[in-house]
PDB file of N, CA and C in Angstrom:
ATOM      1  N   MET A   1     -40.953  63.049  -9.328  1.00  0.00           N
ATOM      2  CA  MET A   1     -40.958  64.543 -10.085  1.00  0.00           C
ATOM      3  C   MET A   1     -39.495  64.815 -10.394  1.00  0.00           C
ATOM      4  N   LYS A   2     -39.423  65.503 -11.343  1.00  0.00           N
ATOM      5  CA  LYS A   2     -38.051  66.004 -11.843  1.00  0.00           C
ATOM      6  C   LYS A   2     -37.952  67.485 -11.288  1.00  0.00           C
ATOM      7  N   LYS A   3     -36.434  67.594 -10.971  1.00  0.00           N
ATOM      8  CA  LYS A   3     -36.137  69.126 -10.310  1.00  0.00           C
ATOM      9  C   LYS A   3     -35.000  69.660 -11.173  1.00  0.00           C
ATOM     10  N   TRP A   4     -34.933  70.933 -11.211  1.00  0.00           N
ATOM     11  CA  TRP A   4     -33.833  71.539 -11.748  1.00  0.00           C
ATOM     12  C   TRP A   4     -32.615  71.497 -10.574  1.00  0.00           C
ATOM     13  N   HIS A   5     -31.374  71.272 -11.102  1.00  0.00           N
ATOM     14  CA  HIS A   5     -30.425  71.109 -10.052  1.00  0.00           C
ATOM     15  C   HIS A   5     -30.007  72.237  -9.450  1.00  0.00           C
ATOM     16  N   ASP A   6     -29.946  72.194  -8.139  1.00  0.00           N
ATOM     17  CA  ASP A   6     -29.598  73.259  -7.066  1.00  0.00           C
ATOM     18  C   ASP A   6     -30.552  74.520  -7.119  1.00  0.00           C
ATOM     19  N   LEU A   7     -31.602  74.375  -7.557  1.00  0.00           N
ATOM     20  CA  LEU A   7     -32.558  75.525  -7.601  1.00  0.00           C
ATOM     21  C   LEU A   7     -33.824  75.408  -6.581  1.00  0.00           C
ATOM     22  N   ASP A   8     -33.665  74.559  -5.521  1.00  0.00           N
ATOM     23  CA  ASP A   8     -34.852  74.165  -4.626  1.00  0.00           C
ATOM     24  C   ASP A   8     -35.232  75.340  -4.017  1.00  0.00           C
ATOM     25  N   GLU A   9     -34.574  76.344  -3.759  1.00  0.00           N
ATOM     26  CA  GLU A   9     -35.272  77.502  -3.146  1.00  0.00           C
ATOM     27  C   GLU A   9     -36.187  78.406  -4.057  1.00  0.00           C
ATOM     28  N   ALA A  10     -36.137  78.007  -5.378  1.00  0.00           N
ATOM     29  CA  ALA A  10     -37.118  78.676  -6.290  1.00  0.00           C
ATOM     30  C   ALA A  10     -38.463  78.029  -6.513  1.00  0.00           C
ATOM     31  N   ILE A  11     -38.496  76.693  -5.923  1.00  0.00           N
ATOM     32  CA  ILE A  11     -39.709  76.119  -6.071  1.00  0.00           C
ATOM     33  C   ILE A  11     -40.936  76.905  -5.404  1.00  0.00           C
ATOM     34  N   ILE A  12     -42.048  76.974  -5.887  1.00  0.00           N
ATOM     35  CA  ILE A  12     -43.170  77.769  -5.333  1.00  0.00           C
ATOM     36  C   ILE A  12     -44.292  76.741  -5.124  1.00  0.00           C
ATOM     37  N   GLY A  13     -44.359  75.661  -5.731  1.00  0.00           N
ATOM     38  CA  GLY A  13     -45.401  74.593  -5.635  1.00  0.00           C
ATOM     39  C   GLY A  13     -45.294  73.546  -6.495  1.00  0.00           C
ATOM     40  N   GLN A  14     -46.489  72.858  -6.644  1.00  0.00           N
ATOM     41  CA  GLN A  14     -46.555  71.712  -7.853  1.00  0.00           C
ATOM     42  C   GLN A  14     -47.897  71.649  -8.498  1.00  0.00           C
ATOM     43  N   ALA A  15     -47.969  71.185  -9.618  1.00  0.00           N
ATOM     44  CA  ALA A  15     -49.138  71.092 -10.598  1.00  0.00           C
ATOM     45  C   ALA A  15     -49.442  69.568 -10.844  1.00  0.00           C
ATOM     46  N   LEU A  16     -50.689  69.204 -10.956  1.00  0.00           N
ATOM     47  CA  LEU A  16     -51.026  68.055 -11.593  1.00  0.00           C
ATOM     48  C   LEU A  16     -51.323  68.260 -12.889  1.00  0.00           C
ATOM     49  N   MET A  17     -50.839  67.263 -13.876  1.00  0.00           N
ATOM     50  CA  MET A  17     -50.888  67.326 -15.272  1.00  0.00           C
ATOM     51  C   MET A  17     -51.269  65.978 -15.752  1.00  0.00           C
ATOM     52  N   TRP A  18     -51.822  66.021 -16.932  1.00  0.00           N
ATOM     53  CA  TRP A  18     -52.069  64.731 -17.799  1.00  0.00           C
ATOM     54  C   TRP A  18     -51.222  64.707 -18.846  1.00  0.00           C
ATOM     55  N   ALA A  19     -50.598  63.393 -19.052  1.00  0.00           N
ATOM     56  CA  ALA A  19     -49.743  63.130 -20.267  1.00  0.00           C
ATOM     57  C   ALA A  19     -50.338  61.855 -20.784  1.00  0.00           C
ATOM     58  N   GLY A  20     -51.333  62.140 -21.766  1.00  0.00           N
ATOM     59  CA  GLY A  20     -52.230  60.828 -22.312  1.00  0.00           C
ATOM     60  C   GLY A  20     -53.018  60.430 -21.271  1.00  0.00           C
ATOM     61  N   ASN A  21     -52.899  59.157 -20.789  1.00  0.00           N
ATOM     62  CA  ASN A  21     -53.766  58.707 -19.779  1.00  0.00           C
ATOM     63  C   ASN A  21     -53.100  58.712 -18.437  1.00  0.00           C
ATOM     64  N   GLU A  22     -51.847  59.052 -18.244  1.00  0.00           N
ATOM     65  CA  GLU A  22     -51.098  59.155 -17.161  1.00  0.00           C
ATOM     66  C   GLU A  22     -51.285  60.481 -16.490  1.00  0.00           C
ATOM     67  N   ARG A  23     -51.574  60.611 -15.199  1.00  0.00           N
ATOM     68  CA  ARG A  23     -51.741  61.843 -14.216  1.00  0.00           C
ATOM     69  C   ARG A  23     -50.324  61.867 -13.580  1.00  0.00           C
ATOM     70  N   MET A  24     -49.784  63.022 -13.549  1.00  0.00           N
ATOM     71  CA  MET A  24     -48.373  63.257 -12.920  1.00  0.00           C
ATOM     72  C   MET A  24     -48.207  64.508 -12.385  1.00  0.00           C
ATOM     73  N   GLU A  25     -47.332  64.758 -11.532  1.00  0.00           N
ATOM     74  CA  GLU A  25     -47.151  65.901 -10.550  1.00  0.00           C
ATOM     75  C   GLU A  25     -46.058  66.487 -11.137  1.00  0.00           C
ATOM     76  N   VAL A  26     -45.824  67.637 -11.303  1.00  0.00           N
ATOM     77  CA  VAL A  26     -44.720  68.479 -11.832  1.00  0.00           C
ATOM     78  C   VAL A  26     -44.398  69.665 -10.839  1.00  0.00           C
ATOM     79  N   LEU A  27     -43.214  69.866 -10.632  1.00  0.00           N
ATOM     80  CA  LEU A  27     -42.739  70.988  -9.803  1.00  0.00           C
ATOM     81  C   LEU A  27     -42.995  72.483 -10.660  1.00  0.00           C
ATOM     82  N   ILE A  28     -43.192  73.496  -9.768  1.00  0.00           N
ATOM     83  CA  ILE A  28     -43.369  74.693 -10.501  1.00  0.00           C
ATOM     84  C   ILE A  28     -42.407  75.779  -9.713  1.00  0.00           C
ATOM     85  N   TYR A  29     -41.535  76.280 -10.561  1.00  0.00           N
ATOM     86  CA  TYR A  29     -40.583  77.467 -10.221  1.00  0.00           C
ATOM     87  C   TYR A  29     -40.753  78.699 -10.472  1.00  0.00           C
ATOM     88  N   SER A  30     -40.529  79.632  -9.574  1.00  0.00           N
ATOM     89  CA  SER A  30     -40.721  81.013  -9.824  1.00  0.00           C
ATOM     90  C   SER A  30     -39.557  81.613 -10.646  1.00  0.00           C
ATOM     91  N   GLY A  31     -39.800  81.981 -11.950  1.00  0.00           N
ATOM     92  CA  GLY A  31     -38.891  82.494 -12.898  1.00  0.00           C
ATOM     93  C   GLY A  31     -37.949  83.622 -12.113  1.00  0.00           C
ATOM     94  N   GLU A  32     -38.492  84.499 -11.427  1.00  0.00           N
ATOM     95  CA  GLU A  32     -37.913  85.496 -10.730  1.00  0.00           C
ATOM     96  C   GLU A  32     -37.035  85.081  -9.759  1.00  0.00           C
ATOM     97  N   LYS A  33     -37.289  83.867  -9.028  1.00  0.00           N
ATOM     98  CA  LYS A  33     -36.567  83.533  -7.828  1.00  0.00           C
ATOM     99  C   LYS A  33     -35.190  82.752  -8.330  1.00  0.00           C
ATOM    100  N   VAL A  34     -35.565  82.089  -9.831  1.00  0.00           N
ATOM    101  CA  VAL A  34     -34.542  81.320 -10.275  1.00  0.00           C
ATOM    102  C   VAL A  34     -33.424  82.394 -10.777  1.00  0.00           C
ATOM    103  N   LEU A  35     -34.070  83.571 -11.287  1.00  0.00           N
ATOM    104  CA  LEU A  35     -32.839  84.538 -11.762  1.00  0.00           C
ATOM    105  C   LEU A  35     -32.224  85.147 -10.460  1.00  0.00           C
ATOM    106  N   GLY A  36     -32.882  85.304  -9.465  1.00  0.00           N
ATOM    107  CA  GLY A  36     -32.262  85.737  -8.213  1.00  0.00           C
ATOM    108  C   GLY A  36     -31.108  84.788  -7.798  1.00  0.00           C
ATOM    109  N   VAL A  37     -31.462  83.398  -7.757  1.00  0.00           N
ATOM    110  CA  VAL A  37     -30.454  82.503  -7.148  1.00  0.00           C
ATOM    111  C   VAL A  37     -29.266  82.449  -8.143  1.00  0.00           C
ATOM    112  N   LEU A  38     -29.444  82.692  -9.541  1.00  0.00           N
ATOM    113  CA  LEU A  38     -28.293  82.666 -10.308  1.00  0.00           C
ATOM    114  C   LEU A  38     -27.510  83.951 -10.048  1.00  0.00           C
ATOM    115  N   ILE A  39     -28.150  85.095  -9.896  1.00  0.00           N
ATOM    116  CA  ILE A  39     -27.406  86.360  -9.801  1.00  0.00           C
ATOM    117  C   ILE A  39     -26.628  86.241  -8.518  1.00  0.00           C
ATOM    118  N   GLU A  40     -27.256  85.993  -7.310  1.00  0.00           N
ATOM    119  CA  GLU A  40     -26.779  85.976  -6.146  1.00  0.00           C
ATOM    120  C   GLU A  40     -25.781  84.752  -5.874  1.00  0.00           C
ATOM    121  N   ARG A  41     -26.125  83.612  -6.091  1.00  0.00           N
ATOM    122  CA  ARG A  41     -25.170  82.423  -5.821  1.00  0.00           C
ATOM    123  C   ARG A  41     -24.124  82.350  -6.828  1.00  0.00           C
ATOM    124  N   ASP A  42     -24.433  82.527  -8.139  1.00  0.00           N
ATOM    125  CA  ASP A  42     -23.328  82.228  -9.177  1.00  0.00           C
ATOM    126  C   ASP A  42     -22.649  83.549  -9.667  1.00  0.00           C
ATOM    127  N   GLY A  43     -23.136  84.695  -9.196  1.00  0.00           N
ATOM    128  CA  GLY A  43     -22.531  85.888  -9.553  1.00  0.00           C
ATOM    129  C   GLY A  43     -22.848  86.284 -11.077  1.00  0.00           C
ATOM    130  N   MET A  44     -23.836  86.020 -11.695  1.00  0.00           N
ATOM    131  CA  MET A  44     -24.188  86.271 -12.956  1.00  0.00           C
ATOM    132  C   MET A  44     -24.837  87.700 -12.969  1.00  0.00           C
ATOM    133  N   THR A  45     -24.827  88.296 -14.079  1.00  0.00           N
ATOM    134  CA  THR A  45     -25.565  89.629 -14.208  1.00  0.00           C
ATOM    135  C   THR A  45     -26.670  89.214 -14.603  1.00  0.00           C
ATOM    136  N   HIS A  46     -27.767  90.123 -14.649  1.00  0.00           N
ATOM    137  CA  HIS A  46     -29.222  89.827 -14.843  1.00  0.00           C
ATOM    138  C   HIS A  46     -29.194  89.276 -16.575  1.00  0.00           C
ATOM    139  N   GLU A  47     -28.528  89.945 -17.093  1.00  0.00           N
ATOM    140  CA  GLU A  47     -28.584  89.388 -18.630  1.00  0.00           C
ATOM    141  C   GLU A  47     -27.898  87.959 -18.848  1.00  0.00           C
ATOM    142  N   GLU A  48     -26.953  87.662 -18.070  1.00  0.00           N
ATOM    143  CA  GLU A  48     -26.379  86.293 -18.095  1.00  0.00           C
ATOM    144  C   GLU A  48     -27.236  85.346 -17.453  1.00  0.00           C
ATOM    145  N   ALA A  49     -28.080  85.696 -16.529  1.00  0.00           N
ATOM    146  CA  ALA A  49     -28.927  84.782 -15.923  1.00  0.00           C
ATOM    147  C   ALA A  49     -30.076  84.645 -16.721  1.00  0.00           C
ATOM    148  N   GLN A  50     -30.661  85.696 -17.333  1.00  0.00           N
ATOM    149  CA  GLN A  50     -31.713  85.452 -18.329  1.00  0.00           C
ATOM    150  C   GLN A  50     -31.449  84.614 -19.355  1.00  0.00           C
ATOM    151  N   GLU A  51     -30.076  84.745 -20.053  1.00  0.00           N
ATOM    152  CA  GLU A  51     -29.702  84.080 -21.032  1.00  0.00           C
ATOM    153  C   GLU A  51     -29.561  82.438 -20.564  1.00  0.00           C
ATOM    154  N   PHE A  52     -29.109  82.090 -19.311  1.00  0.00           N
ATOM    155  CA  PHE A  52     -28.929  80.831 -18.835  1.00  0.00           C
ATOM    156  C   PHE A  52     -30.512  80.253 -18.618  1.00  0.00           C
ATOM    157  N   VAL A  53     -31.383  80.837 -18.146  1.00  0.00           N
ATOM    158  CA  VAL A  53     -32.581  80.531 -17.974  1.00  0.00           C
ATOM    159  C   VAL A  53     -33.351  80.293 -19.425  1.00  0.00           C
ATOM    160  N   ASP A  54     -33.307  81.051 -20.419  1.00  0.00           N
ATOM    161  CA  ASP A  54     -33.825  81.070 -21.692  1.00  0.00           C
ATOM    162  C   ASP A  54     -33.340  79.509 -22.353  1.00  0.00           C
ATOM    163  N   PHE A  55     -32.161  79.538 -22.143  1.00  0.00           N
ATOM    164  CA  PHE A  55     -31.479  78.272 -22.909  1.00  0.00           C
ATOM    165  C   PHE A  55     -31.448  76.921 -22.285  1.00  0.00           C
ATOM    166  N   ASN A  56     -31.087  77.056 -20.818  1.00  0.00           N
ATOM    167  CA  ASN A  56     -31.108  75.656 -20.025  1.00  0.00           C
ATOM    168  C   ASN A  56     -32.374  75.331 -19.302  1.00  0.00           C
ATOM    169  N   ILE A  57     -33.184  76.221 -19.178  1.00  0.00           N
ATOM    170  CA  ILE A  57     -34.431  75.892 -18.635  1.00  0.00           C
ATOM    171  C   ILE A  57     -35.598  76.070 -19.368  1.00  0.00           C
ATOM    172  N   GLU A  58     -35.917  77.111 -19.944  1.00  0.00           N
ATOM    173  CA  GLU A  58     -37.066  77.221 -20.815  1.00  0.00           C
ATOM    174  C   GLU A  58     -36.879  76.581 -22.010  1.00  0.00           C
ATOM    175  N   GLY A  59     -35.869  76.288 -22.532  1.00  0.00           N
ATOM    176  CA  GLY A  59     -35.295  75.642 -23.687  1.00  0.00           C
ATOM    177  C   GLY A  59     -35.290  74.050 -23.522  1.00  0.00           C
ATOM    178  N   ALA A  60     -35.284  73.588 -22.422  1.00  0.00           N
ATOM    179  CA  ALA A  60     -35.032  72.192 -22.001  1.00  0.00           C
ATOM    180  C   ALA A  60     -36.392  71.461 -21.834  1.00  0.00           C
ATOM    181  N   TYR A  61     -36.240  70.244 -22.431  1.00  0.00           N
ATOM    182  CA  TYR A  61     -37.396  69.201 -22.282  1.00  0.00           C
ATOM    183  C   TYR A  61     -36.824  68.100 -21.732  1.00  0.00           C
ATOM    184  N   ILE A  62     -37.215  67.502 -20.500  1.00  0.00           N
ATOM    185  CA  ILE A  62     -36.489  66.414 -19.812  1.00  0.00           C
ATOM    186  C   ILE A  62     -37.406  65.431 -19.754  1.00  0.00           C
ATOM    187  N   GLY A  63     -38.581  65.347 -20.531  1.00  0.00           N
ATOM    188  CA  GLY A  63     -39.669  64.271 -20.287  1.00  0.00           C
ATOM    189  C   GLY A  63     -40.912  65.032 -19.933  1.00  0.00           C
ATOM    190  N   PRO A  64     -42.051  64.033 -19.586  1.00  0.00           N
ATOM    191  CA  PRO A  64     -43.444  64.698 -19.575  1.00  0.00           C
ATOM    192  C   PRO A  64     -43.597  65.384 -18.248  1.00  0.00           C
ATOM    193  N   ASP A  65     -42.667  65.163 -17.336  1.00  0.00           N
ATOM    194  CA  ASP A  65     -42.709  65.707 -16.072  1.00  0.00           C
ATOM    195  C   ASP A  65     -41.676  66.741 -15.889  1.00  0.00           C
ATOM    196  N   THR A  66     -41.303  67.578 -17.017  1.00  0.00           N
ATOM    197  CA  THR A  66     -40.560  68.460 -16.905  1.00  0.00           C
ATOM    198  C   THR A  66     -41.021  69.638 -16.079  1.00  0.00           C
ATOM    199  N   PRO A  67     -40.301  70.180 -14.960  1.00  0.00           N
ATOM    200  CA  PRO A  67     -40.895  71.266 -14.190  1.00  0.00           C
ATOM    201  C   PRO A  67     -41.224  72.476 -14.998  1.00  0.00           C
ATOM    202  N   LEU A  68     -42.243  73.145 -14.447  1.00  0.00           N
ATOM    203  CA  LEU A  68     -42.866  74.481 -15.002  1.00  0.00           C
ATOM    204  C   LEU A  68     -41.993  75.500 -14.400  1.00  0.00           C
ATOM    205  N   LEU A  69     -41.851  76.646 -15.404  1.00  0.00           N
ATOM    206  CA  LEU A  69     -41.419  77.989 -14.838  1.00  0.00           C
ATOM    207  C   LEU A  69     -42.425  78.974 -15.094  1.00  0.00           C
ATOM    208  N   MET A  70     -42.701  79.778 -13.847  1.00  0.00           N
ATOM    209  CA  MET A  70     -43.916  80.623 -13.665  1.00  0.00           C
ATOM    210  C   MET A  70     -43.324  82.046 -13.729  1.00  0.00           C
ATOM    211  N   TRP A  71     -44.019  82.926 -14.552  1.00  0.00           N
ATOM    212  CA  TRP A  71     -43.477  84.421 -14.667  1.00  0.00           C
ATOM    213  C   TRP A  71     -44.693  85.090 -14.236  1.00  0.00           C
ATOM    214  N   PRO A  72     -44.741  86.225 -13.444  1.00  0.00           N
ATOM    215  CA  PRO A  72     -45.950  87.020 -13.364  1.00  0.00           C
ATOM    216  C   PRO A  72     -46.462  87.554 -14.509  1.00  0.00           C
ATOM    217  N   LEU A  73     -47.842  87.871 -14.513  1.00  0.00           N
ATOM    218  CA  LEU A  73     -48.629  88.285 -15.783  1.00  0.00           C
ATOM    219  C   LEU A  73     -47.918  89.628 -16.230  1.00  0.00           C
ATOM    220  N   GLU A  74     -47.352  90.578 -15.608  1.00  0.00           N
ATOM    221  CA  GLU A  74     -46.928  91.662 -16.078  1.00  0.00           C
ATOM    222  C   GLU A  74     -45.732  91.550 -16.738  1.00  0.00           C
ATOM    223  N   ASP A  75     -44.986  90.446 -16.647  1.00  0.00           N
ATOM    224  CA  ASP A  75     -43.698  90.167 -17.426  1.00  0.00           C
ATOM    225  C   ASP A  75     -44.039  89.480 -18.643  1.00  0.00           C
ATOM    226  N   LEU A  76     -45.161  89.151 -18.940  1.00  0.00           N
ATOM    227  CA  LEU A  76     -45.514  88.561 -20.477  1.00  0.00           C
ATOM    228  C   LEU A  76     -45.513  89.535 -21.507  1.00  0.00           C
TER     229      LEU A  76
END
């Protein structure tokens, strides 16, 4: 399973997915926890952290087992 670098504390679970005929496990990260890590650990503002997530996590594809980012329904 692929992981986002230095964001282990934001992992909230895993999911099973199918890619063609291959079943694979992918990690699920809490979007809110990722933002919290970036703000607390890296000293980013909320806006900087959101921009980082938008570009470097939500906008990244690192293969069929790219980790998932979960946001609460009220944030959609």
